[in-house]
Amino acid sequence: MHLLRLGLLAGLVILAGCSKPGASSKVTGTITCNGQALKGGDIYFLFEQGGQYTSAIKPDGTYLFAGLPTGNAVVLVDTERLNPDARPKPFSGKNKQYAQGMSQRYRQYSQTVAKENAAAEGKEPEAPPELSKSEKEALAKFYVKIPKKYADKKTSPLTYTVESGSQTKDFDLTE
């Protein structure tokens, strides 16, 4: 029993020693476009040293990241998953994150996965299903169109240097 306790203690010491310095950074802020608060979407911090972090934009335009590493990051903002006139993106691989937390699109997600599975079996894939009128109306309440440059890491003019501790960084997107 003593040996088990000693092993557990040693494991905890090793885990504590492996934590990244600066991982206690917290960044909050508000995102606006031409002075209007974004009502939804996602904000991404892509760090030069590697690592991508995503936070949802709340209906009041605020966002929150906790546990970020320190360093320089390119910042992306994307609202297109809320565009009521867009067809849903396929939710395979890296796009599965679009399906998380979006109950109004769960039906589309399930149907799209079924179609992708059919395509993998050599069958002809069908186009993603259209959103219903009520789903489009629900998304329209949160969608704010922003310039496309903010959603691409090659064209986004937004950057931020994350420092240790809590900090606030607001972003105003302009044409």
N, C-alpha and C. Protein backbone atom coordinates (compact mmCIF):
# COMPACT_ATOMS: atom_id res chain seq x y z
N MET A 1 0.83 -1.19 0.00
CA MET A 1 0.00 0.00 0.00
C MET A 1 0.88 1.26 0.00
N HIS A 2 1.95 1.21 0.80
CA HIS A 2 2.87 2.34 0.86
C HIS A 2 3.50 2.58 -0.52
N LEU A 3 3.82 1.50 -1.22
CA LEU A 3 4.42 1.61 -2.55
C LEU A 3 3.45 2.24 -3.54
N LEU A 4 2.16 1.90 -3.43
CA LEU A 4 1.13 2.49 -4.30
C LEU A 4 1.03 3.99 -4.07
N ARG A 5 1.01 4.43 -2.82
CA ARG A 5 0.94 5.86 -2.52
C ARG A 5 2.16 6.60 -3.05
N LEU A 6 3.31 5.99 -2.87
CA LEU A 6 4.55 6.59 -3.37
C LEU A 6 4.52 6.73 -4.89
N GLY A 7 3.98 5.73 -5.57
CA GLY A 7 3.87 5.76 -7.03
C GLY A 7 2.91 6.86 -7.48
N LEU A 8 1.79 7.00 -6.80
CA LEU A 8 0.83 8.05 -7.14
C LEU A 8 1.43 9.43 -6.92
N LEU A 9 2.14 9.61 -5.82
CA LEU A 9 2.78 10.89 -5.53
C LEU A 9 3.82 11.22 -6.60
N ALA A 10 4.61 10.24 -7.00
CA ALA A 10 5.61 10.46 -8.03
C ALA A 10 4.95 10.84 -9.36
N GLY A 11 3.81 10.20 -9.67
CA GLY A 11 3.08 10.51 -10.90
C GLY A 11 2.58 11.94 -10.88
N LEU A 12 2.07 12.40 -9.75
CA LEU A 12 1.58 13.78 -9.65
C LEU A 12 2.72 14.79 -9.80
N VAL A 13 3.86 14.48 -9.23
CA VAL A 13 5.01 15.37 -9.35
C VAL A 13 5.46 15.46 -10.80
N ILE A 14 5.44 14.34 -11.52
CA ILE A 14 5.84 14.34 -12.93
C ILE A 14 4.85 15.14 -13.75
N LEU A 15 3.55 14.95 -13.51
CA LEU A 15 2.53 15.71 -14.25
C LEU A 15 2.66 17.20 -13.99
N ALA A 16 2.90 17.58 -12.75
CA ALA A 16 3.05 19.00 -12.42
C ALA A 16 4.27 19.58 -13.12
N GLY A 17 5.31 18.81 -13.25
CA GLY A 17 6.53 19.28 -13.90
C GLY A 17 6.39 19.40 -15.41
N CYS A 18 5.37 18.72 -16.00
CA CYS A 18 5.18 18.75 -17.45
C CYS A 18 4.27 19.86 -17.91
N SER A 19 3.68 20.62 -17.02
CA SER A 19 2.76 21.67 -17.45
C SER A 19 3.54 22.77 -18.16
N LYS A 20 2.91 23.38 -19.15
CA LYS A 20 3.56 24.42 -19.95
C LYS A 20 3.57 25.74 -19.20
N PRO A 21 4.70 26.44 -19.19
CA PRO A 21 4.70 27.76 -18.58
C PRO A 21 3.84 28.70 -19.40
N GLY A 22 3.13 29.58 -18.74
CA GLY A 22 2.30 30.54 -19.43
C GLY A 22 0.93 30.01 -19.81
N ALA A 23 0.63 28.76 -19.44
CA ALA A 23 -0.65 28.16 -19.82
C ALA A 23 -1.80 28.72 -19.00
N SER A 24 -1.53 29.66 -18.10
CA SER A 24 -2.59 30.22 -17.28
C SER A 24 -3.12 31.54 -17.83
N SER A 25 -2.81 31.84 -19.08
CA SER A 25 -3.26 33.09 -19.68
C SER A 25 -4.75 33.04 -19.97
N LYS A 26 -5.39 34.18 -19.76
CA LYS A 26 -6.84 34.31 -20.00
C LYS A 26 -7.03 35.58 -20.83
N VAL A 27 -7.77 35.45 -21.96
CA VAL A 27 -8.04 36.60 -22.82
C VAL A 27 -9.55 36.71 -23.00
N THR A 28 -10.08 37.89 -22.73
CA THR A 28 -11.49 38.18 -22.95
C THR A 28 -11.59 39.43 -23.81
N GLY A 29 -12.75 39.64 -24.39
CA GLY A 29 -12.94 40.85 -25.18
C GLY A 29 -14.27 40.85 -25.89
N THR A 30 -14.45 41.87 -26.71
CA THR A 30 -15.66 42.04 -27.49
C THR A 30 -15.26 42.18 -28.95
N ILE A 31 -16.06 41.59 -29.83
CA ILE A 31 -15.81 41.68 -31.26
C ILE A 31 -16.96 42.44 -31.90
N THR A 32 -16.61 43.49 -32.63
CA THR A 32 -17.60 44.29 -33.35
C THR A 32 -17.22 44.36 -34.82
N CYS A 33 -18.20 44.66 -35.64
CA CYS A 33 -17.94 44.90 -37.07
C CYS A 33 -18.57 46.24 -37.39
N ASN A 34 -17.72 47.21 -37.71
CA ASN A 34 -18.17 48.58 -37.95
C ASN A 34 -19.00 49.09 -36.78
N GLY A 35 -18.57 48.78 -35.57
CA GLY A 35 -19.23 49.25 -34.36
C GLY A 35 -20.39 48.40 -33.87
N GLN A 36 -20.85 47.42 -34.67
CA GLN A 36 -21.97 46.56 -34.29
C GLN A 36 -21.43 45.26 -33.70
N ALA A 37 -21.88 44.90 -32.50
CA ALA A 37 -21.41 43.67 -31.85
C ALA A 37 -21.83 42.46 -32.67
N LEU A 38 -20.88 41.54 -32.87
CA LEU A 38 -21.23 40.27 -33.51
C LEU A 38 -22.11 39.49 -32.54
N LYS A 39 -23.08 38.77 -33.05
CA LYS A 39 -24.02 38.05 -32.20
C LYS A 39 -23.73 36.56 -32.14
N GLY A 40 -22.73 36.13 -32.86
CA GLY A 40 -22.38 34.72 -32.87
C GLY A 40 -21.22 34.49 -33.81
N GLY A 41 -20.76 33.26 -33.84
CA GLY A 41 -19.63 32.87 -34.68
C GLY A 41 -18.52 32.31 -33.83
N ASP A 42 -17.32 32.31 -34.39
CA ASP A 42 -16.16 31.76 -33.71
C ASP A 42 -14.97 32.69 -33.88
N ILE A 43 -14.11 32.70 -32.87
CA ILE A 43 -12.83 33.41 -32.94
C ILE A 43 -11.74 32.38 -32.72
N TYR A 44 -10.67 32.47 -33.50
CA TYR A 44 -9.56 31.53 -33.44
C TYR A 44 -8.27 32.28 -33.15
N PHE A 45 -7.44 31.71 -32.31
CA PHE A 45 -6.07 32.19 -32.10
C PHE A 45 -5.16 31.10 -32.66
N LEU A 46 -4.38 31.42 -33.70
CA LEU A 46 -3.43 30.49 -34.30
C LEU A 46 -2.03 30.95 -33.92
N PHE A 47 -1.37 30.20 -33.07
CA PHE A 47 -0.07 30.60 -32.54
C PHE A 47 1.07 30.27 -33.49
N GLU A 48 2.04 31.18 -33.55
CA GLU A 48 3.22 31.00 -34.40
C GLU A 48 3.97 29.72 -34.03
N GLN A 49 4.01 29.40 -32.74
CA GLN A 49 4.73 28.22 -32.27
C GLN A 49 3.89 26.96 -32.40
N GLY A 50 2.71 27.07 -33.00
CA GLY A 50 1.82 25.92 -33.16
C GLY A 50 0.70 25.97 -32.14
N GLY A 51 -0.39 25.39 -32.50
CA GLY A 51 -1.55 25.36 -31.63
C GLY A 51 -2.64 26.30 -32.11
N GLN A 52 -3.86 25.78 -32.13
CA GLN A 52 -5.02 26.56 -32.52
C GLN A 52 -6.05 26.46 -31.42
N TYR A 53 -6.60 27.60 -31.03
CA TYR A 53 -7.60 27.67 -29.96
C TYR A 53 -8.83 28.37 -30.51
N THR A 54 -10.01 27.85 -30.17
CA THR A 54 -11.27 28.39 -30.66
C THR A 54 -12.18 28.74 -29.51
N SER A 55 -12.90 29.84 -29.65
CA SER A 55 -13.91 30.23 -28.67
C SER A 55 -15.15 30.70 -29.42
N ALA A 56 -16.31 30.37 -28.88
CA ALA A 56 -17.56 30.84 -29.47
C ALA A 56 -17.76 32.30 -29.11
N ILE A 57 -18.35 33.04 -30.03
CA ILE A 57 -18.72 34.43 -29.78
C ILE A 57 -20.14 34.43 -29.24
N LYS A 58 -20.32 35.04 -28.08
CA LYS A 58 -21.63 35.07 -27.43
C LYS A 58 -22.53 36.12 -28.08
N PRO A 59 -23.85 36.05 -27.85
CA PRO A 59 -24.77 37.01 -28.47
C PRO A 59 -24.50 38.48 -28.16
N ASP A 60 -23.75 38.77 -27.10
CA ASP A 60 -23.41 40.16 -26.81
C ASP A 60 -22.07 40.58 -27.42
N GLY A 61 -21.48 39.69 -28.24
CA GLY A 61 -20.22 40.00 -28.92
C GLY A 61 -18.97 39.65 -28.15
N THR A 62 -19.12 39.10 -26.95
CA THR A 62 -17.95 38.79 -26.13
C THR A 62 -17.43 37.39 -26.41
N TYR A 63 -16.17 37.19 -26.05
CA TYR A 63 -15.53 35.88 -26.16
C TYR A 63 -14.64 35.69 -24.94
N LEU A 64 -14.22 34.45 -24.70
CA LEU A 64 -13.35 34.13 -23.57
C LEU A 64 -12.46 32.96 -23.94
N PHE A 65 -11.16 33.13 -23.73
CA PHE A 65 -10.19 32.05 -23.82
C PHE A 65 -9.56 31.89 -22.45
N ALA A 66 -9.43 30.68 -21.99
CA ALA A 66 -8.72 30.41 -20.73
C ALA A 66 -7.68 29.34 -20.99
N GLY A 67 -6.55 29.44 -20.34
CA GLY A 67 -5.49 28.44 -20.48
C GLY A 67 -4.71 28.56 -21.78
N LEU A 68 -4.61 29.75 -22.32
CA LEU A 68 -3.84 29.96 -23.55
C LEU A 68 -2.34 29.98 -23.27
N PRO A 69 -1.55 29.52 -24.23
CA PRO A 69 -0.10 29.71 -24.10
C PRO A 69 0.23 31.17 -24.38
N THR A 70 1.41 31.58 -24.02
CA THR A 70 1.84 32.94 -24.34
C THR A 70 2.49 32.93 -25.72
N GLY A 71 2.48 34.09 -26.36
CA GLY A 71 3.13 34.21 -27.66
C GLY A 71 2.28 34.94 -28.67
N ASN A 72 2.83 35.06 -29.89
CA ASN A 72 2.15 35.77 -30.97
C ASN A 72 1.16 34.86 -31.67
N ALA A 73 -0.01 35.43 -32.00
CA ALA A 73 -1.06 34.65 -32.66
C ALA A 73 -1.70 35.47 -33.77
N VAL A 74 -2.06 34.79 -34.85
CA VAL A 74 -2.92 35.36 -35.87
C VAL A 74 -4.34 35.10 -35.39
N VAL A 75 -5.21 36.10 -35.52
CA VAL A 75 -6.58 35.98 -35.03
C VAL A 75 -7.53 35.92 -36.22
N LEU A 76 -8.41 34.92 -36.21
CA LEU A 76 -9.43 34.77 -37.24
C LEU A 76 -10.80 34.90 -36.61
N VAL A 77 -11.74 35.45 -37.37
CA VAL A 77 -13.12 35.54 -36.93
C VAL A 77 -13.98 35.02 -38.06
N ASP A 78 -14.93 34.13 -37.74
CA ASP A 78 -15.79 33.53 -38.76
C ASP A 78 -17.23 33.49 -38.27
N THR A 79 -18.14 34.01 -39.07
CA THR A 79 -19.57 33.99 -38.74
C THR A 79 -20.38 33.20 -39.75
N GLU A 80 -19.75 32.65 -40.76
CA GLU A 80 -20.48 32.02 -41.87
C GLU A 80 -21.27 30.77 -41.48
N ARG A 81 -20.90 30.09 -40.41
CA ARG A 81 -21.69 28.92 -40.02
C ARG A 81 -23.10 29.33 -39.58
N LEU A 82 -23.30 30.63 -39.34
CA LEU A 82 -24.61 31.13 -38.95
C LEU A 82 -25.37 31.77 -40.12
N ASN A 83 -24.77 31.77 -41.29
CA ASN A 83 -25.38 32.39 -42.46
C ASN A 83 -26.62 31.58 -42.87
N PRO A 84 -27.82 32.16 -42.76
CA PRO A 84 -29.03 31.40 -43.08
C PRO A 84 -29.18 31.10 -44.57
N ASP A 85 -28.44 31.78 -45.43
CA ASP A 85 -28.53 31.54 -46.86
C ASP A 85 -27.49 30.55 -47.37
N ALA A 86 -26.58 30.13 -46.51
CA ALA A 86 -25.54 29.19 -46.91
C ALA A 86 -26.01 27.76 -46.69
N ARG A 87 -25.53 26.89 -47.53
CA ARG A 87 -25.80 25.47 -47.31
C ARG A 87 -24.88 25.00 -46.20
N PRO A 88 -25.33 24.04 -45.39
CA PRO A 88 -24.45 23.54 -44.34
C PRO A 88 -23.19 22.93 -44.94
N LYS A 89 -22.07 23.13 -44.27
CA LYS A 89 -20.82 22.52 -44.72
C LYS A 89 -20.85 21.03 -44.39
N PRO A 90 -20.14 20.21 -45.17
CA PRO A 90 -20.04 18.80 -44.78
C PRO A 90 -19.31 18.72 -43.44
N PHE A 91 -19.75 17.84 -42.60
CA PHE A 91 -19.20 17.75 -41.26
C PHE A 91 -18.22 16.60 -41.12
N SER A 92 -17.36 16.42 -42.09
CA SER A 92 -16.38 15.34 -41.99
C SER A 92 -15.08 15.90 -41.44
N GLY A 93 -14.32 15.05 -40.79
CA GLY A 93 -13.00 15.42 -40.29
C GLY A 93 -12.97 16.72 -39.55
N LYS A 94 -12.19 17.69 -40.06
CA LYS A 94 -11.98 18.95 -39.34
C LYS A 94 -13.24 19.79 -39.22
N ASN A 95 -14.27 19.54 -40.01
CA ASN A 95 -15.47 20.36 -39.96
C ASN A 95 -16.49 19.88 -38.93
N LYS A 96 -16.20 18.81 -38.20
CA LYS A 96 -17.15 18.32 -37.20
C LYS A 96 -17.39 19.35 -36.11
N GLN A 97 -16.42 20.24 -35.85
CA GLN A 97 -16.60 21.25 -34.82
C GLN A 97 -17.78 22.17 -35.13
N TYR A 98 -18.13 22.32 -36.42
CA TYR A 98 -19.27 23.18 -36.77
C TYR A 98 -20.58 22.58 -36.26
N ALA A 99 -20.60 21.26 -36.10
CA ALA A 99 -21.84 20.62 -35.67
C ALA A 99 -22.04 20.70 -34.16
N GLN A 100 -20.97 20.85 -33.42
CA GLN A 100 -21.07 20.85 -31.97
C GLN A 100 -21.82 22.09 -31.49
N GLY A 101 -22.76 21.86 -30.61
CA GLY A 101 -23.48 22.96 -30.00
C GLY A 101 -24.52 23.61 -30.89
N MET A 102 -24.81 23.03 -32.01
CA MET A 102 -25.78 23.62 -32.92
C MET A 102 -26.96 22.66 -33.10
N SER A 103 -27.82 22.59 -32.10
CA SER A 103 -28.91 21.62 -32.14
C SER A 103 -29.83 21.84 -33.33
N GLN A 104 -30.00 23.07 -33.76
CA GLN A 104 -30.88 23.34 -34.89
C GLN A 104 -30.34 22.76 -36.19
N ARG A 105 -29.06 22.41 -36.19
CA ARG A 105 -28.48 21.81 -37.39
C ARG A 105 -28.17 20.32 -37.20
N TYR A 106 -28.59 19.72 -36.13
CA TYR A 106 -28.25 18.32 -35.89
C TYR A 106 -28.81 17.43 -36.99
N ARG A 107 -30.02 17.73 -37.42
CA ARG A 107 -30.63 16.92 -38.49
C ARG A 107 -29.76 16.98 -39.75
N GLN A 108 -29.29 18.17 -40.11
CA GLN A 108 -28.45 18.29 -41.29
C GLN A 108 -27.13 17.54 -41.11
N TYR A 109 -26.59 17.60 -39.91
CA TYR A 109 -25.35 16.90 -39.63
C TYR A 109 -25.53 15.40 -39.84
N SER A 110 -26.60 14.83 -39.28
CA SER A 110 -26.84 13.40 -39.40
C SER A 110 -27.03 12.99 -40.86
N GLN A 111 -27.80 13.78 -41.60
CA GLN A 111 -28.03 13.45 -43.00
C GLN A 111 -26.75 13.59 -43.82
N THR A 112 -25.95 14.59 -43.52
CA THR A 112 -24.70 14.78 -44.26
C THR A 112 -23.73 13.65 -44.00
N VAL A 113 -23.63 13.20 -42.76
CA VAL A 113 -22.75 12.07 -42.44
C VAL A 113 -23.21 10.83 -43.20
N ALA A 114 -24.52 10.60 -43.24
CA ALA A 114 -25.04 9.45 -43.97
C ALA A 114 -24.68 9.54 -45.46
N LYS A 115 -24.75 10.75 -46.02
CA LYS A 115 -24.40 10.93 -47.43
C LYS A 115 -22.91 10.73 -47.66
N GLU A 116 -22.08 11.19 -46.72
CA GLU A 116 -20.64 10.99 -46.85
C GLU A 116 -20.29 9.51 -46.77
N ASN A 117 -20.99 8.78 -45.91
CA ASN A 117 -20.76 7.34 -45.82
C ASN A 117 -21.14 6.66 -47.13
N ALA A 118 -22.25 7.10 -47.75
CA ALA A 118 -22.66 6.54 -49.04
C ALA A 118 -21.59 6.83 -50.10
N ALA A 119 -21.03 8.03 -50.06
CA ALA A 119 -19.99 8.39 -51.02
C ALA A 119 -18.75 7.52 -50.83
N ALA A 120 -18.43 7.20 -49.57
CA ALA A 120 -17.27 6.35 -49.29
C ALA A 120 -17.48 4.94 -49.83
N GLU A 121 -18.73 4.54 -49.95
CA GLU A 121 -19.05 3.21 -50.49
C GLU A 121 -19.18 3.24 -52.00
N GLY A 122 -18.87 4.37 -52.63
CA GLY A 122 -18.90 4.47 -54.07
C GLY A 122 -20.24 4.90 -54.64
N LYS A 123 -21.14 5.30 -53.80
CA LYS A 123 -22.44 5.77 -54.26
C LYS A 123 -22.36 7.26 -54.57
N GLU A 124 -23.27 7.77 -55.35
CA GLU A 124 -23.29 9.19 -55.71
C GLU A 124 -23.75 10.03 -54.52
N PRO A 125 -22.92 10.96 -54.01
CA PRO A 125 -23.34 11.79 -52.87
C PRO A 125 -24.37 12.83 -53.33
N GLU A 126 -25.29 13.13 -52.43
CA GLU A 126 -26.30 14.14 -52.70
C GLU A 126 -25.88 15.46 -52.07
N ALA A 127 -26.50 16.54 -52.51
CA ALA A 127 -26.22 17.86 -51.94
C ALA A 127 -26.73 17.91 -50.50
N PRO A 128 -26.07 18.68 -49.63
CA PRO A 128 -26.56 18.81 -48.26
C PRO A 128 -27.99 19.33 -48.25
N PRO A 129 -28.79 18.97 -47.27
CA PRO A 129 -30.18 19.41 -47.22
C PRO A 129 -30.27 20.91 -46.96
N GLU A 130 -31.36 21.49 -47.43
CA GLU A 130 -31.62 22.91 -47.19
C GLU A 130 -32.11 23.11 -45.77
N LEU A 131 -31.87 24.27 -45.23
CA LEU A 131 -32.41 24.61 -43.92
C LEU A 131 -33.90 24.91 -44.05
N SER A 132 -34.66 24.58 -43.01
CA SER A 132 -36.07 24.91 -43.02
C SER A 132 -36.23 26.42 -42.80
N LYS A 133 -37.42 26.92 -43.05
CA LYS A 133 -37.69 28.35 -42.88
C LYS A 133 -37.44 28.77 -41.43
N SER A 134 -37.91 27.97 -40.47
CA SER A 134 -37.72 28.33 -39.05
C SER A 134 -36.24 28.28 -38.66
N GLU A 135 -35.47 27.34 -39.24
CA GLU A 135 -34.03 27.28 -38.95
C GLU A 135 -33.32 28.51 -39.52
N LYS A 136 -33.72 28.93 -40.72
CA LYS A 136 -33.13 30.13 -41.32
C LYS A 136 -33.45 31.37 -40.49
N GLU A 137 -34.68 31.46 -40.01
CA GLU A 137 -35.07 32.60 -39.19
C GLU A 137 -34.28 32.63 -37.88
N ALA A 138 -34.07 31.45 -37.28
CA ALA A 138 -33.31 31.38 -36.02
C ALA A 138 -31.86 31.80 -36.25
N LEU A 139 -31.24 31.34 -37.33
CA LEU A 139 -29.86 31.71 -37.62
C LEU A 139 -29.74 33.20 -37.97
N ALA A 140 -30.73 33.74 -38.66
CA ALA A 140 -30.68 35.15 -39.07
C ALA A 140 -30.60 36.09 -37.88
N LYS A 141 -31.10 35.67 -36.73
CA LYS A 141 -31.04 36.51 -35.53
C LYS A 141 -29.61 36.69 -35.03
N PHE A 142 -28.73 35.75 -35.39
CA PHE A 142 -27.36 35.78 -34.88
C PHE A 142 -26.32 36.10 -35.94
N TYR A 143 -26.69 36.05 -37.20
CA TYR A 143 -25.71 36.22 -38.28
C TYR A 143 -25.42 37.68 -38.55
N VAL A 144 -24.14 38.02 -38.56
CA VAL A 144 -23.65 39.34 -38.99
C VAL A 144 -22.60 39.07 -40.05
N LYS A 145 -22.82 39.57 -41.24
CA LYS A 145 -21.87 39.35 -42.32
C LYS A 145 -20.63 40.21 -42.07
N ILE A 146 -19.47 39.57 -42.18
CA ILE A 146 -18.20 40.27 -42.01
C ILE A 146 -17.36 40.05 -43.26
N PRO A 147 -16.37 40.91 -43.52
CA PRO A 147 -15.49 40.70 -44.67
C PRO A 147 -14.76 39.36 -44.56
N LYS A 148 -14.66 38.66 -45.68
CA LYS A 148 -14.06 37.32 -45.72
C LYS A 148 -12.60 37.29 -45.27
N LYS A 149 -11.91 38.42 -45.40
CA LYS A 149 -10.48 38.44 -45.05
C LYS A 149 -10.23 38.05 -43.60
N TYR A 150 -11.20 38.26 -42.72
CA TYR A 150 -11.01 37.97 -41.30
C TYR A 150 -11.08 36.48 -40.97
N ALA A 151 -11.56 35.66 -41.91
CA ALA A 151 -11.70 34.22 -41.67
C ALA A 151 -10.58 33.39 -42.29
N ASP A 152 -9.60 34.05 -42.90
CA ASP A 152 -8.52 33.34 -43.59
C ASP A 152 -7.18 33.74 -42.97
N LYS A 153 -6.39 32.75 -42.58
CA LYS A 153 -5.13 33.07 -41.91
C LYS A 153 -4.13 33.76 -42.84
N LYS A 154 -4.31 33.63 -44.14
CA LYS A 154 -3.42 34.30 -45.08
C LYS A 154 -3.76 35.78 -45.26
N THR A 155 -5.01 36.16 -44.98
CA THR A 155 -5.44 37.53 -45.24
C THR A 155 -5.89 38.30 -44.00
N SER A 156 -6.01 37.62 -42.87
CA SER A 156 -6.48 38.32 -41.67
C SER A 156 -5.44 39.32 -41.19
N PRO A 157 -5.86 40.58 -41.01
CA PRO A 157 -4.93 41.59 -40.50
C PRO A 157 -4.83 41.57 -38.97
N LEU A 158 -5.60 40.69 -38.33
CA LEU A 158 -5.65 40.68 -36.86
C LEU A 158 -4.54 39.81 -36.28
N THR A 159 -3.83 40.37 -35.31
CA THR A 159 -2.83 39.63 -34.55
C THR A 159 -2.93 40.05 -33.09
N TYR A 160 -2.38 39.21 -32.24
CA TYR A 160 -2.37 39.56 -30.82
C TYR A 160 -1.23 38.79 -30.14
N THR A 161 -0.55 39.45 -29.22
CA THR A 161 0.48 38.80 -28.43
C THR A 161 -0.09 38.50 -27.05
N VAL A 162 -0.26 37.21 -26.77
CA VAL A 162 -0.81 36.78 -25.49
C VAL A 162 0.30 36.80 -24.45
N GLU A 163 0.04 37.47 -23.34
CA GLU A 163 0.99 37.53 -22.23
C GLU A 163 0.45 36.72 -21.07
N SER A 164 1.27 36.46 -20.11
CA SER A 164 0.85 35.70 -18.94
C SER A 164 -0.18 36.49 -18.13
N GLY A 165 -1.18 35.81 -17.60
CA GLY A 165 -2.20 36.46 -16.78
C GLY A 165 -3.46 36.80 -17.56
N SER A 166 -4.33 37.57 -16.91
CA SER A 166 -5.61 37.98 -17.53
C SER A 166 -5.43 39.26 -18.33
N GLN A 167 -6.09 39.31 -19.47
CA GLN A 167 -6.02 40.49 -20.32
C GLN A 167 -7.29 40.62 -21.14
N THR A 168 -7.54 41.83 -21.62
CA THR A 168 -8.71 42.12 -22.44
C THR A 168 -8.24 42.62 -23.79
N LYS A 169 -8.82 42.07 -24.86
CA LYS A 169 -8.49 42.52 -26.21
C LYS A 169 -9.78 42.57 -27.03
N ASP A 170 -10.18 43.78 -27.40
CA ASP A 170 -11.34 43.98 -28.25
C ASP A 170 -10.87 44.07 -29.70
N PHE A 171 -11.73 43.58 -30.61
CA PHE A 171 -11.44 43.67 -32.05
C PHE A 171 -12.62 44.34 -32.73
N ASP A 172 -12.34 45.36 -33.58
CA ASP A 172 -13.37 45.97 -34.40
C ASP A 172 -13.03 45.68 -35.85
N LEU A 173 -13.86 44.90 -36.49
CA LEU A 173 -13.64 44.53 -37.88
C LEU A 173 -14.22 45.61 -38.76
N THR A 174 -13.47 46.00 -39.79
CA THR A 174 -13.94 47.05 -40.71
C THR A 174 -13.81 46.55 -42.14
N GLU A 175 -14.47 47.25 -43.03
CA GLU A 175 -14.44 46.87 -44.46
C GLU A 175 -13.06 46.99 -45.02
